[in-house]
Amino acid sequence: MKTILKIQNLKCGGCANIITNKLSDSENISDVTVDNENDTVSFSYINEDDLLNTKTTLTKLGYPVIGDKYALTTKAKSLVSCALGRLNN
């Protein structure tokens, strides 16, 4: 199955890089694409557990799905993830 999620805190190529790398490392997740202009991430997955796990991973990285509640610390996590993504780019 394929999905597109609109996410929060997506700012730049560093963010896209860390999201792409982390999700691509996940089992049963493939074809990861991040669109900075539209604040979306798309990917293919096998089952609903994979989708839920991916949403959890995005939140842990600091990029929760639009509409999901999150704490201020999540915004801080996105800044750290962004910086790491820039370093690894």
N, C-alpha and C. Protein backbone atom coordinates (compact mmCIF):
# COMPACT_ATOMS: atom_id res chain seq x y z
N MET A 1 0.84 -1.17 0.00
CA MET A 1 0.00 0.00 0.00
C MET A 1 0.89 1.23 0.00
N LYS A 2 0.35 2.32 -0.52
CA LYS A 2 1.09 3.57 -0.56
C LYS A 2 0.26 4.64 0.13
N THR A 3 0.95 5.54 0.85
CA THR A 3 0.26 6.63 1.52
C THR A 3 1.06 7.91 1.43
N ILE A 4 0.38 9.01 1.64
CA ILE A 4 1.02 10.32 1.73
C ILE A 4 0.54 10.94 3.04
N LEU A 5 1.50 11.35 3.88
CA LEU A 5 1.17 11.97 5.15
C LEU A 5 1.63 13.42 5.14
N LYS A 6 0.79 14.33 5.57
CA LYS A 6 1.16 15.73 5.73
C LYS A 6 1.71 15.86 7.15
N ILE A 7 2.96 16.35 7.25
CA ILE A 7 3.63 16.37 8.54
C ILE A 7 3.97 17.80 8.97
N GLN A 8 4.25 17.93 10.25
CA GLN A 8 4.59 19.21 10.86
C GLN A 8 6.10 19.37 10.97
N ASN A 9 6.56 20.61 11.06
CA ASN A 9 7.94 20.99 11.34
C ASN A 9 8.92 20.71 10.21
N LEU A 10 8.46 20.36 9.03
CA LEU A 10 9.34 20.10 7.90
C LEU A 10 9.86 21.44 7.37
N LYS A 11 11.18 21.61 7.37
CA LYS A 11 11.73 22.90 7.02
C LYS A 11 12.66 22.91 5.82
N CYS A 12 13.46 21.86 5.65
CA CYS A 12 14.51 21.96 4.64
C CYS A 12 14.97 20.58 4.17
N GLY A 13 16.01 20.60 3.37
CA GLY A 13 16.59 19.36 2.87
C GLY A 13 17.19 18.50 3.97
N GLY A 14 17.67 19.13 5.05
CA GLY A 14 18.20 18.36 6.17
C GLY A 14 17.10 17.52 6.82
N CYS A 15 15.93 18.14 6.97
CA CYS A 15 14.77 17.42 7.51
C CYS A 15 14.41 16.25 6.59
N ALA A 16 14.34 16.55 5.30
CA ALA A 16 13.98 15.52 4.31
C ALA A 16 14.99 14.39 4.34
N ASN A 17 16.27 14.72 4.47
CA ASN A 17 17.32 13.71 4.48
C ASN A 17 17.18 12.76 5.67
N ILE A 18 16.98 13.31 6.86
CA ILE A 18 16.89 12.45 8.04
C ILE A 18 15.63 11.59 7.99
N ILE A 19 14.52 12.16 7.52
CA ILE A 19 13.28 11.39 7.39
C ILE A 19 13.46 10.26 6.39
N THR A 20 14.01 10.56 5.23
CA THR A 20 14.22 9.55 4.19
C THR A 20 15.11 8.43 4.70
N ASN A 21 16.21 8.79 5.34
CA ASN A 21 17.15 7.77 5.84
C ASN A 21 16.52 6.89 6.92
N LYS A 22 15.84 7.51 7.89
CA LYS A 22 15.26 6.73 8.99
C LYS A 22 14.13 5.82 8.52
N LEU A 23 13.27 6.36 7.66
CA LEU A 23 12.15 5.53 7.20
C LEU A 23 12.62 4.43 6.26
N SER A 24 13.61 4.72 5.44
CA SER A 24 14.14 3.71 4.51
C SER A 24 14.80 2.56 5.25
N ASP A 25 15.28 2.81 6.47
CA ASP A 25 15.89 1.76 7.29
C ASP A 25 14.84 0.85 7.92
N SER A 26 13.58 1.29 7.92
CA SER A 26 12.51 0.52 8.54
C SER A 26 12.12 -0.68 7.68
N GLU A 27 11.88 -1.78 8.36
CA GLU A 27 11.43 -2.98 7.67
C GLU A 27 10.02 -2.74 7.11
N ASN A 28 9.78 -3.22 5.92
CA ASN A 28 8.47 -3.13 5.25
C ASN A 28 8.10 -1.73 4.77
N ILE A 29 9.05 -0.78 4.77
CA ILE A 29 8.82 0.57 4.27
C ILE A 29 9.74 0.77 3.07
N SER A 30 9.16 1.29 1.97
CA SER A 30 9.96 1.51 0.76
C SER A 30 9.44 2.74 0.02
N ASP A 31 10.15 3.13 -1.01
CA ASP A 31 9.75 4.25 -1.89
C ASP A 31 9.47 5.53 -1.10
N VAL A 32 10.35 5.87 -0.17
CA VAL A 32 10.16 7.06 0.66
C VAL A 32 10.50 8.31 -0.14
N THR A 33 9.56 9.26 -0.15
CA THR A 33 9.77 10.54 -0.82
C THR A 33 9.27 11.64 0.10
N VAL A 34 10.10 12.68 0.29
CA VAL A 34 9.72 13.82 1.12
C VAL A 34 9.58 15.04 0.22
N ASP A 35 8.47 15.74 0.35
CA ASP A 35 8.19 16.94 -0.44
C ASP A 35 8.15 18.14 0.50
N ASN A 36 9.24 18.92 0.50
CA ASN A 36 9.34 20.07 1.41
C ASN A 36 8.32 21.15 1.09
N GLU A 37 7.99 21.33 -0.16
CA GLU A 37 7.05 22.39 -0.54
C GLU A 37 5.65 22.13 -0.03
N ASN A 38 5.27 20.87 0.03
CA ASN A 38 3.91 20.51 0.48
C ASN A 38 3.86 19.90 1.87
N ASP A 39 5.03 19.83 2.54
CA ASP A 39 5.12 19.25 3.89
C ASP A 39 4.58 17.83 3.94
N THR A 40 4.95 17.02 2.95
CA THR A 40 4.45 15.65 2.91
C THR A 40 5.59 14.64 2.84
N VAL A 41 5.28 13.45 3.29
CA VAL A 41 6.15 12.30 3.11
C VAL A 41 5.27 11.18 2.56
N SER A 42 5.74 10.53 1.51
CA SER A 42 5.01 9.41 0.94
C SER A 42 5.89 8.16 1.01
N PHE A 43 5.25 7.03 1.13
CA PHE A 43 5.98 5.77 1.23
C PHE A 43 5.02 4.61 1.00
N SER A 44 5.61 3.47 0.70
CA SER A 44 4.85 2.22 0.57
C SER A 44 5.08 1.41 1.83
N TYR A 45 4.05 0.69 2.25
CA TYR A 45 4.14 -0.15 3.44
C TYR A 45 3.34 -1.43 3.22
N ILE A 46 3.56 -2.41 4.09
CA ILE A 46 2.94 -3.72 3.93
C ILE A 46 1.59 -3.81 4.66
N ASN A 47 1.56 -3.41 5.95
CA ASN A 47 0.32 -3.55 6.72
C ASN A 47 0.12 -2.34 7.65
N GLU A 48 -1.01 -2.33 8.35
CA GLU A 48 -1.37 -1.18 9.20
C GLU A 48 -0.37 -0.96 10.33
N ASP A 49 0.22 -2.04 10.86
CA ASP A 49 1.23 -1.89 11.90
C ASP A 49 2.42 -1.10 11.38
N ASP A 50 2.81 -1.35 10.13
CA ASP A 50 3.92 -0.60 9.53
C ASP A 50 3.58 0.89 9.45
N LEU A 51 2.35 1.19 9.10
CA LEU A 51 1.91 2.59 9.01
C LEU A 51 1.95 3.24 10.39
N LEU A 52 1.42 2.56 11.39
CA LEU A 52 1.43 3.10 12.75
C LEU A 52 2.84 3.29 13.28
N ASN A 53 3.71 2.32 13.02
CA ASN A 53 5.11 2.42 13.45
C ASN A 53 5.82 3.58 12.77
N THR A 54 5.49 3.82 11.51
CA THR A 54 6.10 4.92 10.77
C THR A 54 5.64 6.26 11.32
N LYS A 55 4.37 6.37 11.65
CA LYS A 55 3.87 7.60 12.28
C LYS A 55 4.57 7.85 13.61
N THR A 56 4.78 6.79 14.38
CA THR A 56 5.49 6.91 15.66
C THR A 56 6.93 7.35 15.43
N THR A 57 7.59 6.78 14.45
CA THR A 57 8.96 7.17 14.12
C THR A 57 9.03 8.64 13.73
N LEU A 58 8.10 9.08 12.90
CA LEU A 58 8.07 10.50 12.49
C LEU A 58 7.92 11.40 13.71
N THR A 59 7.04 11.04 14.63
CA THR A 59 6.84 11.84 15.84
C THR A 59 8.11 11.87 16.69
N LYS A 60 8.76 10.72 16.84
CA LYS A 60 10.00 10.65 17.62
C LYS A 60 11.10 11.51 17.00
N LEU A 61 11.10 11.63 15.67
CA LEU A 61 12.07 12.46 14.98
C LEU A 61 11.72 13.95 15.09
N GLY A 62 10.46 14.24 15.45
CA GLY A 62 10.02 15.62 15.57
C GLY A 62 9.13 16.09 14.45
N TYR A 63 8.59 15.14 13.66
CA TYR A 63 7.75 15.47 12.52
C TYR A 63 6.41 14.73 12.59
N PRO A 64 5.57 15.09 13.57
CA PRO A 64 4.28 14.39 13.68
C PRO A 64 3.35 14.74 12.51
N VAL A 65 2.39 13.86 12.31
CA VAL A 65 1.39 14.06 11.27
C VAL A 65 0.52 15.27 11.66
N ILE A 66 0.15 16.08 10.68
CA ILE A 66 -0.73 17.22 10.92
C ILE A 66 -1.99 16.73 11.63
N GLY A 67 -2.38 17.43 12.66
CA GLY A 67 -3.57 17.06 13.42
C GLY A 67 -3.25 16.26 14.67
N ASP A 68 -2.07 15.63 14.69
CA ASP A 68 -1.67 14.90 15.89
C ASP A 68 -1.18 15.90 16.93
N LYS A 69 -1.54 15.67 18.17
CA LYS A 69 -1.11 16.53 19.26
C LYS A 69 0.34 16.21 19.59
N TYR A 70 1.10 17.27 19.89
CA TYR A 70 2.48 17.03 20.29
C TYR A 70 2.95 18.11 21.25
N ALA A 71 3.99 17.78 22.00
CA ALA A 71 4.55 18.69 22.99
C ALA A 71 5.61 19.59 22.36
N LEU A 72 5.97 20.64 23.05
CA LEU A 72 7.00 21.56 22.59
C LEU A 72 8.33 20.83 22.37
N THR A 73 8.58 19.79 23.13
CA THR A 73 9.82 19.03 22.97
C THR A 73 9.90 18.38 21.58
N THR A 74 8.75 18.11 20.99
CA THR A 74 8.74 17.53 19.65
C THR A 74 9.32 18.51 18.65
N LYS A 75 9.01 19.78 18.78
CA LYS A 75 9.57 20.83 17.92
C LYS A 75 11.09 20.86 18.08
N ALA A 76 11.55 20.75 19.31
CA ALA A 76 12.99 20.74 19.57
C ALA A 76 13.65 19.52 18.92
N LYS A 77 12.98 18.38 18.96
CA LYS A 77 13.51 17.17 18.32
C LYS A 77 13.65 17.38 16.82
N SER A 78 12.70 18.09 16.22
CA SER A 78 12.79 18.33 14.78
C SER A 78 13.99 19.18 14.44
N LEU A 79 14.33 20.13 15.30
CA LEU A 79 15.51 20.97 15.07
C LEU A 79 16.79 20.14 15.13
N VAL A 80 16.86 19.22 16.09
CA VAL A 80 18.02 18.34 16.20
C VAL A 80 18.09 17.41 14.99
N SER A 81 16.96 16.82 14.62
CA SER A 81 16.93 15.94 13.45
C SER A 81 17.35 16.69 12.19
N CYS A 82 16.87 17.92 12.05
CA CYS A 82 17.21 18.75 10.90
C CYS A 82 18.72 18.96 10.84
N ALA A 83 19.32 19.32 11.96
CA ALA A 83 20.76 19.54 12.01
C ALA A 83 21.54 18.28 11.66
N LEU A 84 21.10 17.15 12.18
CA LEU A 84 21.76 15.88 11.84
C LEU A 84 21.60 15.56 10.36
N GLY A 85 20.43 15.84 9.81
CA GLY A 85 20.19 15.61 8.39
C GLY A 85 21.10 16.47 7.52
N ARG A 86 21.35 17.69 7.96
CA ARG A 86 22.26 18.57 7.20
C ARG A 86 23.68 18.08 7.26
N LEU A 87 24.10 17.58 8.43
CA LEU A 87 25.46 17.07 8.58
C LEU A 87 25.69 15.83 7.72
N ASN A 88 24.66 15.01 7.60
CA ASN A 88 24.79 13.76 6.85
C ASN A 88 24.50 13.92 5.37
N ASN A 89 24.17 15.12 4.95
CA ASN A 89 23.83 15.39 3.55
C ASN A 89 25.04 15.53 2.68
